[in-house]
Amino acid sequence: MYLVQILLPLRDRAQKPFQLEKFEQVASELLERFGGMTAYVRSPASGLWQEPGGRMEPDDITVHEVMTASLDEQWWAEYRLDLEARFAQDDVVIRAIPMQRL
């Protein structure tokens, strides 16, 4: 079994917050495909990343996650590209963590 997490930014490059509908659409898509999902949107994770020139940029994110018995890497790769386009990001992190349900 895998826990798959999608890290999505709260704001665009100009620091304008994304509309809630964008996150609701992701939640709906995951629910439809996997039969359940969890979104951590009320307490976003706060991070920083460094631009090539050395300037630090804030990176507040939400986490959307699903549990799945198998990992369709091709589907996830295509979904990542779709999310990068929708959220105008150079890179959206999707990570899969092997897990054991207790």
PDB file of N, CA and C in Angstrom:
ATOM      1  N   MET A   1       0.848  -1.173   0.000  1.00  0.00           N
ATOM      2  CA  MET A   1       0.000   0.000   0.000  1.00  0.00           C
ATOM      3  C   MET A   1       0.894   1.237   0.000  1.00  0.00           C
ATOM      4  N   TYR A   2       0.384   2.310  -0.597  1.00  0.00           N
ATOM      5  CA  TYR A   2       1.129   3.567  -0.690  1.00  0.00           C
ATOM      6  C   TYR A   2       0.276   4.728  -0.185  1.00  0.00           C
ATOM      7  N   LEU A   3       0.941   5.673   0.430  1.00  0.00           N
ATOM      8  CA  LEU A   3       0.349   6.966   0.745  1.00  0.00           C
ATOM      9  C   LEU A   3       0.935   7.937  -0.274  1.00  0.00           C
ATOM     10  N   VAL A   4       0.081   8.512  -1.110  1.00  0.00           N
ATOM     11  CA  VAL A   4       0.538   9.445  -2.146  1.00  0.00           C
ATOM     12  C   VAL A   4       0.127  10.838  -1.722  1.00  0.00           C
ATOM     13  N   GLN A   5       1.094  11.739  -1.680  1.00  0.00           N
ATOM     14  CA  GLN A   5       0.853  13.116  -1.262  1.00  0.00           C
ATOM     15  C   GLN A   5       1.187  14.080  -2.391  1.00  0.00           C
ATOM     16  N   ILE A   6       0.295  15.040  -2.584  1.00  0.00           N
ATOM     17  CA  ILE A   6       0.489  16.096  -3.577  1.00  0.00           C
ATOM     18  C   ILE A   6       0.669  17.404  -2.812  1.00  0.00           C
ATOM     19  N   LEU A   7       1.773  18.087  -3.055  1.00  0.00           N
ATOM     20  CA  LEU A   7       2.054  19.367  -2.413  1.00  0.00           C
ATOM     21  C   LEU A   7       1.695  20.483  -3.388  1.00  0.00           C
ATOM     22  N   LEU A   8       0.679  21.260  -3.033  1.00  0.00           N
ATOM     23  CA  LEU A   8       0.201  22.329  -3.914  1.00  0.00           C
ATOM     24  C   LEU A   8       0.388  23.693  -3.260  1.00  0.00           C
ATOM     25  N   PRO A   9       0.851  24.671  -4.023  1.00  0.00           N
ATOM     26  CA  PRO A   9       1.048  26.015  -3.479  1.00  0.00           C
ATOM     27  C   PRO A   9      -0.277  26.721  -3.228  1.00  0.00           C
ATOM     28  N   LEU A  10      -0.292  27.568  -2.217  1.00  0.00           N
ATOM     29  CA  LEU A  10      -1.486  28.366  -1.933  1.00  0.00           C
ATOM     30  C   LEU A  10      -1.592  29.592  -2.825  1.00  0.00           C
ATOM     31  N   ARG A  11      -0.432  30.078  -3.312  1.00  0.00           N
ATOM     32  CA  ARG A  11      -0.418  31.317  -4.089  1.00  0.00           C
ATOM     33  C   ARG A  11       0.377  31.136  -5.387  1.00  0.00           C
ATOM     34  N   ASP A  12       0.062  31.991  -6.338  1.00  0.00           N
ATOM     35  CA  ASP A  12       0.802  31.964  -7.594  1.00  0.00           C
ATOM     36  C   ASP A  12       2.129  32.710  -7.434  1.00  0.00           C
ATOM     37  N   ARG A  13       2.843  32.859  -8.511  1.00  0.00           N
ATOM     38  CA  ARG A  13       4.171  33.500  -8.454  1.00  0.00           C
ATOM     39  C   ARG A  13       4.108  34.954  -8.011  1.00  0.00           C
ATOM     40  N   ALA A  14       2.972  35.609  -8.249  1.00  0.00           N
ATOM     41  CA  ALA A  14       2.794  37.001  -7.830  1.00  0.00           C
ATOM     42  C   ALA A  14       2.245  37.085  -6.405  1.00  0.00           C
ATOM     43  N   GLN A  15       2.198  35.943  -5.720  1.00  0.00           N
ATOM     44  CA  GLN A  15       1.703  35.836  -4.341  1.00  0.00           C
ATOM     45  C   GLN A  15       0.205  36.079  -4.208  1.00  0.00           C
ATOM     46  N   LYS A  16      -0.524  35.952  -5.314  1.00  0.00           N
ATOM     47  CA  LYS A  16      -1.987  36.059  -5.291  1.00  0.00           C
ATOM     48  C   LYS A  16      -2.546  34.677  -4.939  1.00  0.00           C
ATOM     49  N   PRO A  17      -3.430  34.599  -3.919  1.00  0.00           N
ATOM     50  CA  PRO A  17      -3.986  33.298  -3.534  1.00  0.00           C
ATOM     51  C   PRO A  17      -4.792  32.658  -4.661  1.00  0.00           C
ATOM     52  N   PHE A  18      -4.633  31.342  -4.811  1.00  0.00           N
ATOM     53  CA  PHE A  18      -5.456  30.613  -5.771  1.00  0.00           C
ATOM     54  C   PHE A  18      -6.883  30.536  -5.236  1.00  0.00           C
ATOM     55  N   GLN A  19      -7.838  30.491  -6.138  1.00  0.00           N
ATOM     56  CA  GLN A  19      -9.237  30.343  -5.765  1.00  0.00           C
ATOM     57  C   GLN A  19      -9.455  28.958  -5.154  1.00  0.00           C
ATOM     58  N   LEU A  20     -10.331  28.884  -4.171  1.00  0.00           N
ATOM     59  CA  LEU A  20     -10.649  27.636  -3.489  1.00  0.00           C
ATOM     60  C   LEU A  20     -11.105  26.562  -4.470  1.00  0.00           C
ATOM     61  N   GLU A  21     -11.739  26.958  -5.538  1.00  0.00           N
ATOM     62  CA  GLU A  21     -12.251  26.007  -6.524  1.00  0.00           C
ATOM     63  C   GLU A  21     -11.142  25.145  -7.122  1.00  0.00           C
ATOM     64  N   LYS A  22      -9.936  25.694  -7.260  1.00  0.00           N
ATOM     65  CA  LYS A  22      -8.823  24.909  -7.797  1.00  0.00           C
ATOM     66  C   LYS A  22      -8.527  23.710  -6.907  1.00  0.00           C
ATOM     67  N   PHE A  23      -8.535  23.923  -5.600  1.00  0.00           N
ATOM     68  CA  PHE A  23      -8.248  22.857  -4.648  1.00  0.00           C
ATOM     69  C   PHE A  23      -9.421  21.882  -4.550  1.00  0.00           C
ATOM     70  N   GLU A  24     -10.629  22.411  -4.647  1.00  0.00           N
ATOM     71  CA  GLU A  24     -11.814  21.554  -4.622  1.00  0.00           C
ATOM     72  C   GLU A  24     -11.845  20.633  -5.836  1.00  0.00           C
ATOM     73  N   GLN A  25     -11.391  21.119  -6.978  1.00  0.00           N
ATOM     74  CA  GLN A  25     -11.350  20.290  -8.186  1.00  0.00           C
ATOM     75  C   GLN A  25     -10.368  19.130  -8.001  1.00  0.00           C
ATOM     76  N   VAL A  26      -9.203  19.407  -7.437  1.00  0.00           N
ATOM     77  CA  VAL A  26      -8.223  18.345  -7.180  1.00  0.00           C
ATOM     78  C   VAL A  26      -8.825  17.317  -6.229  1.00  0.00           C
ATOM     79  N   ALA A  27      -9.451  17.781  -5.151  1.00  0.00           N
ATOM     80  CA  ALA A  27     -10.074  16.876  -4.189  1.00  0.00           C
ATOM     81  C   ALA A  27     -11.123  15.998  -4.863  1.00  0.00           C
ATOM     82  N   SER A  28     -11.939  16.594  -5.712  1.00  0.00           N
ATOM     83  CA  SER A  28     -12.980  15.851  -6.418  1.00  0.00           C
ATOM     84  C   SER A  28     -12.384  14.792  -7.339  1.00  0.00           C
ATOM     85  N   GLU A  29     -11.332  15.155  -8.057  1.00  0.00           N
ATOM     86  CA  GLU A  29     -10.682  14.203  -8.966  1.00  0.00           C
ATOM     87  C   GLU A  29     -10.093  13.025  -8.204  1.00  0.00           C
ATOM     88  N   LEU A  30      -9.452  13.303  -7.080  1.00  0.00           N
ATOM     89  CA  LEU A  30      -8.849  12.224  -6.282  1.00  0.00           C
ATOM     90  C   LEU A  30      -9.929  11.342  -5.670  1.00  0.00           C
ATOM     91  N   LEU A  31     -10.990  11.952  -5.186  1.00  0.00           N
ATOM     92  CA  LEU A  31     -12.099  11.192  -4.603  1.00  0.00           C
ATOM     93  C   LEU A  31     -12.707  10.257  -5.649  1.00  0.00           C
ATOM     94  N   GLU A  32     -12.914  10.770  -6.847  1.00  0.00           N
ATOM     95  CA  GLU A  32     -13.503   9.959  -7.909  1.00  0.00           C
ATOM     96  C   GLU A  32     -12.604   8.789  -8.283  1.00  0.00           C
ATOM     97  N   ARG A  33     -11.309   9.027  -8.381  1.00  0.00           N
ATOM     98  CA  ARG A  33     -10.390   7.967  -8.820  1.00  0.00           C
ATOM     99  C   ARG A  33     -10.062   6.968  -7.721  1.00  0.00           C
ATOM    100  N   PHE A  34      -9.914   7.440  -6.473  1.00  0.00           N
ATOM    101  CA  PHE A  34      -9.422   6.573  -5.403  1.00  0.00           C
ATOM    102  C   PHE A  34     -10.465   6.241  -4.336  1.00  0.00           C
ATOM    103  N   GLY A  35     -11.626   6.854  -4.404  1.00  0.00           N
ATOM    104  CA  GLY A  35     -12.686   6.535  -3.469  1.00  0.00           C
ATOM    105  C   GLY A  35     -12.556   7.206  -2.114  1.00  0.00           C
ATOM    106  N   GLY A  36     -11.547   8.022  -1.945  1.00  0.00           N
ATOM    107  CA  GLY A  36     -11.339   8.745  -0.700  1.00  0.00           C
ATOM    108  C   GLY A  36     -10.096   9.602  -0.818  1.00  0.00           C
ATOM    109  N   MET A  37     -10.006  10.621  -0.002  1.00  0.00           N
ATOM    110  CA  MET A  37      -8.830  11.499   0.004  1.00  0.00           C
ATOM    111  C   MET A  37      -8.873  12.364   1.248  1.00  0.00           C
ATOM    112  N   THR A  38      -7.731  12.920   1.594  1.00  0.00           N
ATOM    113  CA  THR A  38      -7.625  13.850   2.712  1.00  0.00           C
ATOM    114  C   THR A  38      -6.886  15.079   2.218  1.00  0.00           C
ATOM    115  N   ALA A  39      -7.377  16.252   2.593  1.00  0.00           N
ATOM    116  CA  ALA A  39      -6.709  17.504   2.226  1.00  0.00           C
ATOM    117  C   ALA A  39      -6.409  18.284   3.496  1.00  0.00           C
ATOM    118  N   TYR A  40      -5.184  18.728   3.617  1.00  0.00           N
ATOM    119  CA  TYR A  40      -4.763  19.577   4.720  1.00  0.00           C
ATOM    120  C   TYR A  40      -4.681  21.005   4.183  1.00  0.00           C
ATOM    121  N   VAL A  41      -5.771  21.743   4.338  1.00  0.00           N
ATOM    122  CA  VAL A  41      -5.848  23.074   3.749  1.00  0.00           C
ATOM    123  C   VAL A  41      -6.016  24.182   4.783  1.00  0.00           C
ATOM    124  N   ARG A  42      -6.452  23.867   5.981  1.00  0.00           N
ATOM    125  CA  ARG A  42      -6.685  24.901   6.994  1.00  0.00           C
ATOM    126  C   ARG A  42      -5.411  25.292   7.734  1.00  0.00           C
ATOM    127  N   SER A  43      -4.454  24.405   7.771  1.00  0.00           N
ATOM    128  CA  SER A  43      -3.168  24.690   8.425  1.00  0.00           C
ATOM    129  C   SER A  43      -2.057  24.423   7.423  1.00  0.00           C
ATOM    130  N   PRO A  44      -1.882  25.336   6.479  1.00  0.00           N
ATOM    131  CA  PRO A  44      -0.890  25.064   5.437  1.00  0.00           C
ATOM    132  C   PRO A  44       0.519  24.977   6.011  1.00  0.00           C
ATOM    133  N   ALA A  45       1.316  24.176   5.344  1.00  0.00           N
ATOM    134  CA  ALA A  45       2.725  24.079   5.696  1.00  0.00           C
ATOM    135  C   ALA A  45       3.444  25.302   5.134  1.00  0.00           C
ATOM    136  N   SER A  46       4.316  25.882   5.937  1.00  0.00           N
ATOM    137  CA  SER A  46       5.072  27.057   5.495  1.00  0.00           C
ATOM    138  C   SER A  46       6.507  26.654   5.209  1.00  0.00           C
ATOM    139  N   GLY A  47       6.985  27.062   4.062  1.00  0.00           N
ATOM    140  CA  GLY A  47       8.355  26.743   3.684  1.00  0.00           C
ATOM    141  C   GLY A  47       9.004  27.904   2.962  1.00  0.00           C
ATOM    142  N   LEU A  48      10.244  27.701   2.641  1.00  0.00           N
ATOM    143  CA  LEU A  48      11.030  28.668   1.869  1.00  0.00           C
ATOM    144  C   LEU A  48      11.792  27.921   0.797  1.00  0.00           C
ATOM    145  N   TRP A  49      12.015  28.577  -0.303  1.00  0.00           N
ATOM    146  CA  TRP A  49      12.927  28.044  -1.308  1.00  0.00           C
ATOM    147  C   TRP A  49      13.777  29.184  -1.817  1.00  0.00           C
ATOM    148  N   GLN A  50      14.957  28.838  -2.278  1.00  0.00           N
ATOM    149  CA  GLN A  50      15.928  29.846  -2.686  1.00  0.00           C
ATOM    150  C   GLN A  50      15.994  29.919  -4.202  1.00  0.00           C
ATOM    151  N   GLU A  51      15.826  31.135  -4.721  1.00  0.00           N
ATOM    152  CA  GLU A  51      15.942  31.357  -6.162  1.00  0.00           C
ATOM    153  C   GLU A  51      17.413  31.319  -6.556  1.00  0.00           C
ATOM    154  N   PRO A  52      17.699  31.124  -7.845  1.00  0.00           N
ATOM    155  CA  PRO A  52      19.091  31.075  -8.287  1.00  0.00           C
ATOM    156  C   PRO A  52      19.916  32.292  -7.861  1.00  0.00           C
ATOM    157  N   GLY A  53      19.314  33.476  -7.785  1.00  0.00           N
ATOM    158  CA  GLY A  53      20.045  34.667  -7.364  1.00  0.00           C
ATOM    159  C   GLY A  53      20.271  34.754  -5.869  1.00  0.00           C
ATOM    160  N   GLY A  54      19.737  33.794  -5.127  1.00  0.00           N
ATOM    161  CA  GLY A  54      19.927  33.782  -3.686  1.00  0.00           C
ATOM    162  C   GLY A  54      18.761  34.326  -2.887  1.00  0.00           C
ATOM    163  N   ARG A  55      17.790  34.937  -3.574  1.00  0.00           N
ATOM    164  CA  ARG A  55      16.639  35.498  -2.869  1.00  0.00           C
ATOM    165  C   ARG A  55      15.735  34.372  -2.349  1.00  0.00           C
ATOM    166  N   MET A  56      15.257  34.520  -1.119  1.00  0.00           N
ATOM    167  CA  MET A  56      14.383  33.526  -0.514  1.00  0.00           C
ATOM    168  C   MET A  56      12.926  33.855  -0.836  1.00  0.00           C
ATOM    169  N   GLU A  57      12.154  32.848  -1.192  1.00  0.00           N
ATOM    170  CA  GLU A  57      10.743  33.002  -1.516  1.00  0.00           C
ATOM    171  C   GLU A  57       9.907  32.150  -0.567  1.00  0.00           C
ATOM    172  N   PRO A  58       8.798  32.693  -0.068  1.00  0.00           N
ATOM    173  CA  PRO A  58       7.916  31.873   0.762  1.00  0.00           C
ATOM    174  C   PRO A  58       7.204  30.834  -0.093  1.00  0.00           C
ATOM    175  N   ASP A  59       6.889  29.710   0.495  1.00  0.00           N
ATOM    176  CA  ASP A  59       6.244  28.626  -0.238  1.00  0.00           C
ATOM    177  C   ASP A  59       5.256  27.934   0.691  1.00  0.00           C
ATOM    178  N   ASP A  60       4.077  28.527   0.866  1.00  0.00           N
ATOM    179  CA  ASP A  60       3.046  27.917   1.691  1.00  0.00           C
ATOM    180  C   ASP A  60       2.261  26.929   0.832  1.00  0.00           C
ATOM    181  N   ILE A  61       2.071  25.722   1.371  1.00  0.00           N
ATOM    182  CA  ILE A  61       1.448  24.660   0.589  1.00  0.00           C
ATOM    183  C   ILE A  61       0.295  23.998   1.339  1.00  0.00           C
ATOM    184  N   THR A  62      -0.532  23.328   0.562  1.00  0.00           N
ATOM    185  CA  THR A  62      -1.524  22.403   1.087  1.00  0.00           C
ATOM    186  C   THR A  62      -1.071  21.007   0.682  1.00  0.00           C
ATOM    187  N   VAL A  63      -1.576  20.025   1.387  1.00  0.00           N
ATOM    188  CA  VAL A  63      -1.257  18.635   1.064  1.00  0.00           C
ATOM    189  C   VAL A  63      -2.571  17.899   0.804  1.00  0.00           C
ATOM    190  N   HIS A  64      -2.635  17.254  -0.346  1.00  0.00           N
ATOM    191  CA  HIS A  64      -3.770  16.385  -0.687  1.00  0.00           C
ATOM    192  C   HIS A  64      -3.193  14.974  -0.759  1.00  0.00           C
ATOM    193  N   GLU A  65      -3.848  14.014  -0.079  1.00  0.00           N
ATOM    194  CA  GLU A  65      -3.281  12.674  -0.067  1.00  0.00           C
ATOM    195  C   GLU A  65      -4.348  11.605  -0.251  1.00  0.00           C
ATOM    196  N   VAL A  66      -3.879  10.481  -0.795  1.00  0.00           N
ATOM    197  CA  VAL A  66      -4.716   9.298  -0.978  1.00  0.00           C
ATOM    198  C   VAL A  66      -3.909   8.075  -0.578  1.00  0.00           C
ATOM    199  N   MET A  67      -4.626   7.001  -0.260  1.00  0.00           N
ATOM    200  CA  MET A  67      -3.996   5.695  -0.064  1.00  0.00           C
ATOM    201  C   MET A  67      -4.404   4.827  -1.242  1.00  0.00           C
ATOM    202  N   THR A  68      -3.450   4.073  -1.755  1.00  0.00           N
ATOM    203  CA  THR A  68      -3.724   3.216  -2.900  1.00  0.00           C
ATOM    204  C   THR A  68      -2.916   1.921  -2.780  1.00  0.00           C
ATOM    205  N   ALA A  69      -3.529   0.829  -3.215  1.00  0.00           N
ATOM    206  CA  ALA A  69      -2.871  -0.475  -3.130  1.00  0.00           C
ATOM    207  C   ALA A  69      -1.737  -0.603  -4.141  1.00  0.00           C
ATOM    208  N   SER A  70      -1.886   0.033  -5.286  1.00  0.00           N
ATOM    209  CA  SER A  70      -0.842  -0.044  -6.313  1.00  0.00           C
ATOM    210  C   SER A  70      -0.501   1.365  -6.778  1.00  0.00           C
ATOM    211  N   LEU A  71       0.633   1.477  -7.429  1.00  0.00           N
ATOM    212  CA  LEU A  71       1.137   2.784  -7.842  1.00  0.00           C
ATOM    213  C   LEU A  71       1.238   2.827  -9.365  1.00  0.00           C
ATOM    214  N   ASP A  72       0.350   3.576 -10.000  1.00  0.00           N
ATOM    215  CA  ASP A  72       0.362   3.755 -11.448  1.00  0.00           C
ATOM    216  C   ASP A  72       1.235   4.976 -11.757  1.00  0.00           C
ATOM    217  N   GLU A  73       2.518   4.739 -11.906  1.00  0.00           N
ATOM    218  CA  GLU A  73       3.467   5.847 -12.066  1.00  0.00           C
ATOM    219  C   GLU A  73       3.192   6.682 -13.313  1.00  0.00           C
ATOM    220  N   GLN A  74       2.744   6.060 -14.383  1.00  0.00           N
ATOM    221  CA  GLN A  74       2.445   6.807 -15.608  1.00  0.00           C
ATOM    222  C   GLN A  74       1.279   7.774 -15.375  1.00  0.00           C
ATOM    223  N   TRP A  75       0.222   7.307 -14.708  1.00  0.00           N
ATOM    224  CA  TRP A  75      -0.921   8.174 -14.421  1.00  0.00           C
ATOM    225  C   TRP A  75      -0.488   9.343 -13.545  1.00  0.00           C
ATOM    226  N   TRP A  76       0.301   9.065 -12.503  1.00  0.00           N
ATOM    227  CA  TRP A  76       0.745  10.124 -11.601  1.00  0.00           C
ATOM    228  C   TRP A  76       1.638  11.135 -12.330  1.00  0.00           C
ATOM    229  N   ALA A  77       2.487  10.664 -13.228  1.00  0.00           N
ATOM    230  CA  ALA A  77       3.353  11.580 -13.989  1.00  0.00           C
ATOM    231  C   ALA A  77       2.511  12.514 -14.857  1.00  0.00           C
ATOM    232  N   GLU A  78       1.480  11.969 -15.500  1.00  0.00           N
ATOM    233  CA  GLU A  78       0.605  12.796 -16.333  1.00  0.00           C
ATOM    234  C   GLU A  78      -0.211  13.764 -15.478  1.00  0.00           C
ATOM    235  N   TYR A  79      -0.667  13.298 -14.325  1.00  0.00           N
ATOM    236  CA  TYR A  79      -1.444  14.162 -13.434  1.00  0.00           C
ATOM    237  C   TYR A  79      -0.572  15.296 -12.905  1.00  0.00           C
ATOM    238  N   ARG A  80       0.691  15.000 -12.602  1.00  0.00           N
ATOM    239  CA  ARG A  80       1.623  16.040 -12.141  1.00  0.00           C
ATOM    240  C   ARG A  80       1.783  17.120 -13.209  1.00  0.00           C
ATOM    241  N   LEU A  81       1.962  16.716 -14.455  1.00  0.00           N
ATOM    242  CA  LEU A  81       2.090  17.703 -15.540  1.00  0.00           C
ATOM    243  C   LEU A  81       0.826  18.558 -15.657  1.00  0.00           C
ATOM    244  N   ASP A  82      -0.334  17.930 -15.501  1.00  0.00           N
ATOM    245  CA  ASP A  82      -1.595  18.661 -15.547  1.00  0.00           C
ATOM    246  C   ASP A  82      -1.673  19.678 -14.409  1.00  0.00           C
ATOM    247  N   LEU A  83      -1.300  19.267 -13.194  1.00  0.00           N
ATOM    248  CA  LEU A  83      -1.335  20.185 -12.055  1.00  0.00           C
ATOM    249  C   LEU A  83      -0.332  21.330 -12.224  1.00  0.00           C
ATOM    250  N   GLU A  84       0.841  21.022 -12.774  1.00  0.00           N
ATOM    251  CA  GLU A  84       1.829  22.081 -13.017  1.00  0.00           C
ATOM    252  C   GLU A  84       1.262  23.135 -13.962  1.00  0.00           C
ATOM    253  N   ALA A  85       0.529  22.709 -14.966  1.00  0.00           N
ATOM    254  CA  ALA A  85      -0.088  23.658 -15.899  1.00  0.00           C
ATOM    255  C   ALA A  85      -1.208  24.441 -15.214  1.00  0.00           C
ATOM    256  N   ARG A  86      -2.075  23.757 -14.489  1.00  0.00           N
ATOM    257  CA  ARG A  86      -3.210  24.425 -13.831  1.00  0.00           C
ATOM    258  C   ARG A  86      -2.784  25.428 -12.775  1.00  0.00           C
ATOM    259  N   PHE A  87      -1.709  25.100 -12.047  1.00  0.00           N
ATOM    260  CA  PHE A  87      -1.247  25.975 -10.974  1.00  0.00           C
ATOM    261  C   PHE A  87      -0.051  26.834 -11.415  1.00  0.00           C
ATOM    262  N   ALA A  88       0.278  26.790 -12.710  1.00  0.00           N
ATOM    263  CA  ALA A  88       1.377  27.589 -13.280  1.00  0.00           C
ATOM    264  C   ALA A  88       2.660  27.437 -12.462  1.00  0.00           C
ATOM    265  N   GLN A  89       3.071  26.179 -12.266  1.00  0.00           N
ATOM    266  CA  GLN A  89       4.257  25.876 -11.476  1.00  0.00           C
ATOM    267  C   GLN A  89       5.306  25.191 -12.342  1.00  0.00           C
ATOM    268  N   ASP A  90       6.578  25.458 -12.034  1.00  0.00           N
ATOM    269  CA  ASP A  90       7.654  24.744 -12.714  1.00  0.00           C
ATOM    270  C   ASP A  90       7.678  23.284 -12.270  1.00  0.00           C
ATOM    271  N   ASP A  91       7.316  23.046 -11.014  1.00  0.00           N
ATOM    272  CA  ASP A  91       7.365  21.692 -10.481  1.00  0.00           C
ATOM    273  C   ASP A  91       6.338  21.539  -9.362  1.00  0.00           C
ATOM    274  N   VAL A  92       5.514  20.528  -9.448  1.00  0.00           N
ATOM    275  CA  VAL A  92       4.611  20.140  -8.370  1.00  0.00           C
ATOM    276  C   VAL A  92       5.154  18.821  -7.821  1.00  0.00           C
ATOM    277  N   VAL A  93       5.337  18.757  -6.523  1.00  0.00           N
ATOM    278  CA  VAL A  93       5.862  17.543  -5.903  1.00  0.00           C
ATOM    279  C   VAL A  93       4.705  16.598  -5.610  1.00  0.00           C
ATOM    280  N   ILE A  94       4.841  15.391  -6.118  1.00  0.00           N
ATOM    281  CA  ILE A  94       3.960  14.289  -5.755  1.00  0.00           C
ATOM    282  C   ILE A  94       4.880  13.191  -5.264  1.00  0.00           C
ATOM    283  N   ARG A  95       4.634  12.738  -4.043  1.00  0.00           N
ATOM    284  CA  ARG A  95       5.504  11.711  -3.479  1.00  0.00           C
ATOM    285  C   ARG A  95       4.679  10.524  -3.012  1.00  0.00           C
ATOM    286  N   ALA A  96       5.263   9.345  -3.168  1.00  0.00           N
ATOM    287  CA  ALA A  96       4.603   8.098  -2.755  1.00  0.00           C
ATOM    288  C   ALA A  96       5.446   7.478  -1.647  1.00  0.00           C
ATOM    289  N   ILE A  97       4.750   7.143  -0.557  1.00  0.00           N
ATOM    290  CA  ILE A  97       5.430   6.586   0.607  1.00  0.00           C
ATOM    291  C   ILE A  97       4.858   5.193   0.854  1.00  0.00           C
ATOM    292  N   PRO A  98       5.702   4.151   0.766  1.00  0.00           N
ATOM    293  CA  PRO A  98       5.190   2.818   1.093  1.00  0.00           C
ATOM    294  C   PRO A  98       4.688   2.803   2.540  1.00  0.00           C
ATOM    295  N   MET A  99       3.560   2.156   2.770  1.00  0.00           N
ATOM    296  CA  MET A  99       3.018   2.146   4.118  1.00  0.00           C
ATOM    297  C   MET A  99       2.363   0.801   4.412  1.00  0.00           C
ATOM    298  N   GLN A 100       2.242   0.534   5.675  1.00  0.00           N
ATOM    299  CA  GLN A 100       1.549  -0.640   6.143  1.00  0.00           C
ATOM    300  C   GLN A 100       0.379  -0.181   7.005  1.00  0.00           C
ATOM    301  N   ARG A 101      -0.788  -0.616   6.665  1.00  0.00           N
ATOM    302  CA  ARG A 101      -1.974  -0.244   7.436  1.00  0.00           C
ATOM    303  C   ARG A 101      -2.045  -1.115   8.685  1.00  0.00           C
ATOM    304  N   LEU A 102      -2.179  -0.479   9.825  1.00  0.00           N
ATOM    305  CA  LEU A 102      -2.192  -1.222  11.086  1.00  0.00           C
ATOM    306  C   LEU A 102      -3.596  -1.367  11.626  1.00  0.00           C
TER     307      LEU A 102
END
